[in-house]
Amino acid sequence: MRLNKYISHNTTYSRREADKLIQDGLVKVNRQIVKEPYYDVQEGDKVFVKGKLIKPKVDYTVIVYNKPKGELVTKKDDRGRKTIYDSLPKKFFHFIPIGRLDFASEGLLLLTDSPKIAGALMESDIPRVYNVKIKGEVTPKMEEAMREGLELEDATAGAHEKSSITSMRFAPFFAYRIDKNAPTFSKLKVALIEGKNREIRRFFAHFGKDVVDLKRVEYGWIKLNALPTGKTRYLSKKEYEKLREFLKEVDEKNRDKH
């Protein structure tokens, strides 16, 4: 983990404050002053800030946030738009979002104070479930692409105007269900095991369909249920138990690789 990130996650210092401490020569790794914020902290490294040893957090917290439309999943926006951190209680300011939901999307967003958990969940193939409302009807070609996957040289339709991603490979949907199919509007429930940049919007835009509403309602075993928009909750005891089982499996897989 990068040194500035390591300090901000294991202390009350922000990332910016950590950068300043590093630049000012107030940070040592294994008793040596390090002035590079991107220094990679390895397991076993001892990091000192102002002579005080930083102890890595062993406990972790995961919260569910029901993100409203019109909030960005970022700390700051150069255009001054509202971010999730403007709405979240201040005690969650250092929490890391697990994946993204774009400005116009809403629903279940997980955040954690553990970089390890954030990485493990983001890189996993845990199904993410969305309620989707599109203009127009679902065609047999669209269903075929949902089942078989899709590769697009030009995947710019449905993308953010500033996105640098132009082509995209869409894996087959993990599952899908059509709840309403009509010439005006159609409603679907789709499950994906990837979280690519505006993947759902790009997929339907390829078929000339605008996504009117997009709401994430599940992330693996964690469900949004009746959590009100703009509110947070901690994981339940049962959800934490499943998370521990998941992390154990990840550790075992990683051990098998080495």
Protein backbone atom coordinates (compact mmCIF):
# COMPACT_ATOMS: atom_id res chain seq x y z
CA MET A 1 0.00 0.00 0.00
CA ARG A 2 1.20 3.53 -0.79
CA LEU A 3 2.74 5.32 2.18
CA ASN A 4 0.31 8.28 2.16
CA LYS A 5 -2.65 5.88 1.98
CA TYR A 6 -1.19 3.73 4.77
CA ILE A 7 -0.91 6.77 7.07
CA SER A 8 -4.40 8.10 6.28
CA HIS A 9 -6.04 4.71 6.84
CA ASN A 10 -4.31 3.93 10.11
CA THR A 11 -4.40 7.41 11.72
CA THR A 12 -6.67 10.45 11.88
CA TYR A 13 -4.54 12.27 9.26
CA SER A 14 -6.12 12.87 5.85
CA ARG A 15 -4.28 11.82 2.67
CA ARG A 16 -3.34 15.47 2.04
CA GLU A 17 -2.00 15.86 5.59
CA ALA A 18 -0.03 12.63 5.16
CA ASP A 19 1.53 14.00 1.96
CA LYS A 20 2.63 17.15 3.85
CA LEU A 21 4.11 15.12 6.73
CA ILE A 22 6.07 13.01 4.22
CA GLN A 23 7.34 16.07 2.33
CA ASP A 24 8.39 17.70 5.62
CA GLY A 25 10.56 14.68 6.49
CA LEU A 26 8.42 13.73 9.48
CA VAL A 27 7.80 10.16 8.29
CA LYS A 28 10.22 7.27 8.69
CA VAL A 29 9.97 3.72 7.42
CA ASN A 30 12.14 1.30 9.39
CA ARG A 31 13.90 4.32 11.00
CA GLN A 32 14.76 5.82 7.58
CA ILE A 33 13.20 9.13 6.45
CA VAL A 34 11.09 8.60 3.33
CA LYS A 35 9.96 11.62 1.30
CA GLU A 36 8.14 9.70 -1.44
CA PRO A 37 4.33 9.51 -0.82
CA TYR A 38 4.06 6.63 -3.30
CA TYR A 39 6.58 4.49 -1.41
CA ASP A 40 5.11 0.99 -1.21
CA VAL A 41 4.68 -0.13 2.40
CA GLN A 42 5.34 -3.87 2.69
CA GLU A 43 4.16 -6.28 5.36
CA GLY A 44 6.54 -6.02 8.31
CA ASP A 45 7.55 -2.41 7.58
CA LYS A 46 7.47 -0.13 10.62
CA VAL A 47 6.12 3.33 9.82
CA PHE A 48 6.76 6.25 12.21
CA VAL A 49 5.05 9.66 12.07
CA LYS A 50 6.72 12.33 14.22
CA GLY A 51 8.60 9.54 15.98
CA LYS A 52 5.43 7.61 16.86
CA LEU A 53 4.93 4.06 15.52
CA ILE A 54 1.76 3.67 13.44
CA LYS A 55 -0.10 0.48 14.30
CA PRO A 56 -2.11 -0.98 11.41
CA LYS A 57 -5.80 -1.39 12.15
CA VAL A 58 -6.81 -4.98 12.74
CA ASP A 59 -10.53 -4.37 13.14
CA TYR A 60 -12.56 -3.16 10.21
CA THR A 61 -15.96 -1.66 9.55
CA VAL A 62 -18.20 -1.93 6.49
CA ILE A 63 -21.26 0.23 5.95
CA VAL A 64 -24.09 0.26 3.42
CA TYR A 65 -25.07 3.64 1.98
CA ASN A 66 -28.21 4.11 -0.11
CA LYS A 67 -26.73 6.61 -2.55
CA PRO A 68 -29.21 9.06 -4.07
CA LYS A 69 -29.04 10.20 -7.68
CA GLY A 70 -26.98 13.35 -8.15
CA GLU A 71 -23.99 12.45 -5.98
CA LEU A 72 -20.50 11.56 -7.17
CA VAL A 73 -18.53 8.70 -5.62
CA THR A 74 -15.38 10.74 -5.03
CA LYS A 75 -13.88 12.96 -2.31
CA LYS A 76 -13.89 16.19 -4.33
CA ASP A 77 -15.23 17.31 -7.68
CA ASP A 78 -13.42 19.97 -9.71
CA ARG A 79 -16.80 21.21 -10.95
CA GLY A 80 -18.15 21.62 -7.43
CA ARG A 81 -20.82 18.94 -7.74
CA LYS A 82 -22.12 17.14 -4.68
CA THR A 83 -20.22 14.04 -3.55
CA ILE A 84 -21.22 11.20 -1.24
CA TYR A 85 -18.89 12.66 1.40
CA ASP A 86 -21.02 15.83 1.54
CA SER A 87 -23.90 13.65 2.76
CA LEU A 88 -22.16 10.94 4.77
CA PRO A 89 -21.58 11.52 8.51
CA LYS A 90 -18.09 12.98 9.10
CA LYS A 91 -16.92 9.81 10.90
CA PHE A 92 -17.05 7.99 7.53
CA PHE A 93 -14.94 10.56 5.65
CA HIS A 94 -11.91 8.23 5.51
CA PHE A 95 -13.98 5.23 4.32
CA ILE A 96 -13.20 3.79 0.87
CA PRO A 97 -16.03 3.17 -1.59
CA ILE A 98 -16.19 -0.41 -2.84
CA GLY A 99 -16.77 0.11 -6.54
CA ARG A 100 -18.63 3.02 -8.08
CA LEU A 101 -22.13 4.22 -8.90
CA ASP A 102 -22.28 7.03 -11.43
CA PHE A 103 -23.83 10.47 -10.83
CA ALA A 104 -27.26 9.49 -12.20
CA SER A 105 -27.38 6.04 -10.54
CA GLU A 106 -28.58 5.21 -7.06
CA GLY A 107 -28.75 2.44 -4.53
CA LEU A 108 -26.43 0.20 -2.56
CA LEU A 109 -22.88 1.43 -2.12
CA LEU A 110 -20.53 -0.32 0.30
CA LEU A 111 -17.78 1.63 2.07
CA THR A 112 -15.06 0.38 4.39
CA ASP A 113 -12.12 1.60 6.45
CA SER A 114 -10.06 -1.41 5.30
CA PRO A 115 -8.13 -1.18 1.99
CA LYS A 116 -7.72 -4.99 2.07
CA ILE A 117 -11.49 -5.55 2.18
CA ALA A 118 -12.14 -2.88 -0.45
CA GLY A 119 -9.66 -4.55 -2.80
CA ALA A 120 -10.92 -8.09 -2.16
CA LEU A 121 -14.57 -7.18 -2.78
CA MET A 122 -13.88 -5.02 -5.84
CA GLU A 123 -11.71 -7.68 -7.49
CA SER A 124 -14.16 -10.49 -6.71
CA ASP A 125 -16.72 -12.07 -9.01
CA ILE A 126 -19.50 -11.54 -6.46
CA PRO A 127 -22.74 -10.75 -8.34
CA ARG A 128 -23.95 -7.15 -8.21
CA VAL A 129 -27.72 -6.89 -8.77
CA TYR A 130 -29.42 -3.87 -10.37
CA ASN A 131 -32.95 -2.77 -11.13
CA VAL A 132 -32.90 -1.21 -14.59
CA LYS A 133 -35.56 0.80 -16.42
CA ILE A 134 -34.99 1.48 -20.12
CA LYS A 135 -36.84 3.41 -22.82
CA GLY A 136 -38.36 0.99 -25.32
CA GLU A 137 -38.60 -2.78 -25.35
CA VAL A 138 -36.13 -5.59 -24.78
CA THR A 139 -35.38 -7.26 -28.13
CA PRO A 140 -34.26 -10.86 -28.83
CA LYS A 141 -30.83 -9.47 -29.90
CA MET A 142 -30.42 -7.76 -26.54
CA GLU A 143 -31.33 -10.98 -24.73
CA GLU A 144 -28.81 -12.91 -26.82
CA ALA A 145 -26.08 -10.40 -25.88
CA MET A 146 -27.05 -10.68 -22.21
CA ARG A 147 -26.66 -14.47 -22.42
CA GLU A 148 -23.62 -14.66 -24.71
CA GLY A 149 -21.70 -11.47 -23.95
CA LEU A 150 -20.70 -8.70 -26.31
CA GLU A 151 -17.52 -7.15 -27.66
CA LEU A 152 -17.65 -3.56 -28.92
CA GLU A 153 -14.92 -1.67 -30.71
CA ASP A 154 -16.96 1.48 -30.16
CA ALA A 155 -18.57 1.48 -26.71
CA THR A 156 -18.76 5.27 -26.37
CA ALA A 157 -22.57 5.44 -26.50
CA GLY A 158 -23.81 5.63 -22.92
CA ALA A 159 -20.35 6.61 -21.65
CA HIS A 160 -19.44 9.76 -19.77
CA GLU A 161 -18.34 12.48 -22.21
CA LYS A 162 -14.86 12.64 -20.63
CA SER A 163 -14.31 8.87 -20.48
CA SER A 164 -11.12 7.64 -22.14
CA ILE A 165 -12.55 4.10 -22.50
CA THR A 166 -13.76 3.60 -26.06
CA SER A 167 -13.95 -0.17 -26.58
CA MET A 168 -15.34 -2.72 -24.14
CA ARG A 169 -15.92 -6.44 -23.72
CA PHE A 170 -19.12 -7.29 -21.87
CA ALA A 171 -19.11 -10.66 -20.13
CA PRO A 172 -22.39 -12.62 -20.25
CA PHE A 173 -24.76 -11.36 -17.57
CA PHE A 174 -24.63 -13.56 -14.46
CA ALA A 175 -28.44 -13.53 -14.54
CA TYR A 176 -31.29 -11.39 -15.81
CA ARG A 177 -35.06 -11.21 -15.50
CA ILE A 178 -37.46 -9.11 -17.57
CA ASP A 179 -40.19 -7.79 -15.28
CA LYS A 180 -41.92 -5.63 -17.87
CA ASN A 181 -41.44 -5.48 -21.64
CA ALA A 182 -43.29 -2.72 -23.49
CA PRO A 183 -42.68 -0.35 -26.44
CA THR A 184 -42.66 2.64 -24.04
CA PHE A 185 -40.60 1.42 -21.05
CA SER A 186 -39.17 -1.92 -19.94
CA LYS A 187 -37.98 -3.04 -16.51
CA LEU A 188 -35.31 -5.63 -15.82
CA LYS A 189 -33.36 -7.07 -12.92
CA VAL A 190 -29.78 -7.86 -13.97
CA ALA A 191 -26.84 -9.40 -12.13
CA LEU A 192 -23.26 -8.73 -13.24
CA ILE A 193 -20.00 -10.06 -11.88
CA GLU A 194 -17.94 -7.18 -13.23
CA GLY A 195 -18.13 -3.50 -12.42
CA LYS A 196 -16.81 -1.78 -15.52
CA ASN A 197 -17.19 1.94 -16.22
CA ARG A 198 -20.90 2.62 -16.91
CA GLU A 199 -21.19 -0.95 -18.17
CA ILE A 200 -24.99 -1.21 -18.03
CA ARG A 201 -25.57 2.19 -19.65
CA ARG A 202 -23.09 1.38 -22.44
CA PHE A 203 -24.63 -2.07 -23.01
CA PHE A 204 -28.17 -0.78 -23.53
CA ALA A 205 -27.01 2.33 -25.43
CA HIS A 206 -25.45 0.00 -28.03
CA PHE A 207 -29.01 -1.17 -28.80
CA GLY A 208 -30.31 2.41 -28.90
CA LYS A 209 -31.97 2.21 -25.49
CA ASP A 210 -31.57 4.93 -22.86
CA VAL A 211 -31.33 3.82 -19.25
CA VAL A 212 -33.85 5.96 -17.37
CA ASP A 213 -33.31 4.48 -13.90
CA LEU A 214 -30.46 2.39 -12.54
CA LYS A 215 -30.44 1.20 -8.95
CA ARG A 216 -28.09 -1.30 -7.31
CA VAL A 217 -30.04 -3.38 -4.81
CA GLU A 218 -27.61 -6.20 -3.89
CA TYR A 219 -23.88 -6.79 -3.62
CA GLY A 220 -23.49 -10.52 -3.11
CA TRP A 221 -25.12 -11.45 0.20
CA ILE A 222 -25.62 -7.78 1.21
CA LYS A 223 -29.01 -6.32 0.30
CA LEU A 224 -30.34 -2.77 0.30
CA ASN A 225 -33.79 -3.84 1.52
CA ALA A 226 -35.73 -0.95 3.12
CA LEU A 227 -32.78 1.37 3.88
CA PRO A 228 -34.03 4.90 3.09
CA THR A 229 -32.32 6.95 0.38
CA GLY A 230 -29.37 8.92 1.75
CA LYS A 231 -29.10 6.79 4.91
CA THR A 232 -26.37 4.41 6.11
CA ARG A 233 -26.31 1.23 8.16
CA TYR A 234 -23.61 -1.07 9.50
CA LEU A 235 -23.43 -4.66 8.28
CA SER A 236 -25.44 -7.08 10.39
CA LYS A 237 -23.77 -9.82 12.44
CA LYS A 238 -24.75 -12.38 9.78
CA GLU A 239 -23.35 -10.22 6.96
CA TYR A 240 -20.05 -9.83 8.85
CA GLU A 241 -19.88 -13.63 9.33
CA LYS A 242 -20.29 -14.15 5.58
CA LEU A 243 -17.69 -11.47 4.90
CA ARG A 244 -15.20 -13.28 7.16
CA GLU A 245 -15.90 -16.55 5.31
CA PHE A 246 -15.35 -14.75 1.98
CA LEU A 247 -12.04 -13.22 3.16
CA LYS A 248 -10.87 -16.62 4.39
CA GLU A 249 -11.55 -18.08 0.92
CA VAL A 250 -9.64 -15.20 -0.72
CA ASP A 251 -6.63 -15.78 1.59
CA GLU A 252 -6.68 -19.54 0.83
CA LYS A 253 -6.80 -18.89 -2.94
CA ASN A 254 -3.91 -16.43 -2.66
CA ARG A 255 -1.87 -18.97 -0.65
CA ASP A 256 -2.52 -21.64 -3.29
CA LYS A 257 -1.19 -19.31 -6.00
CA HIS A 258 2.18 -18.83 -4.23
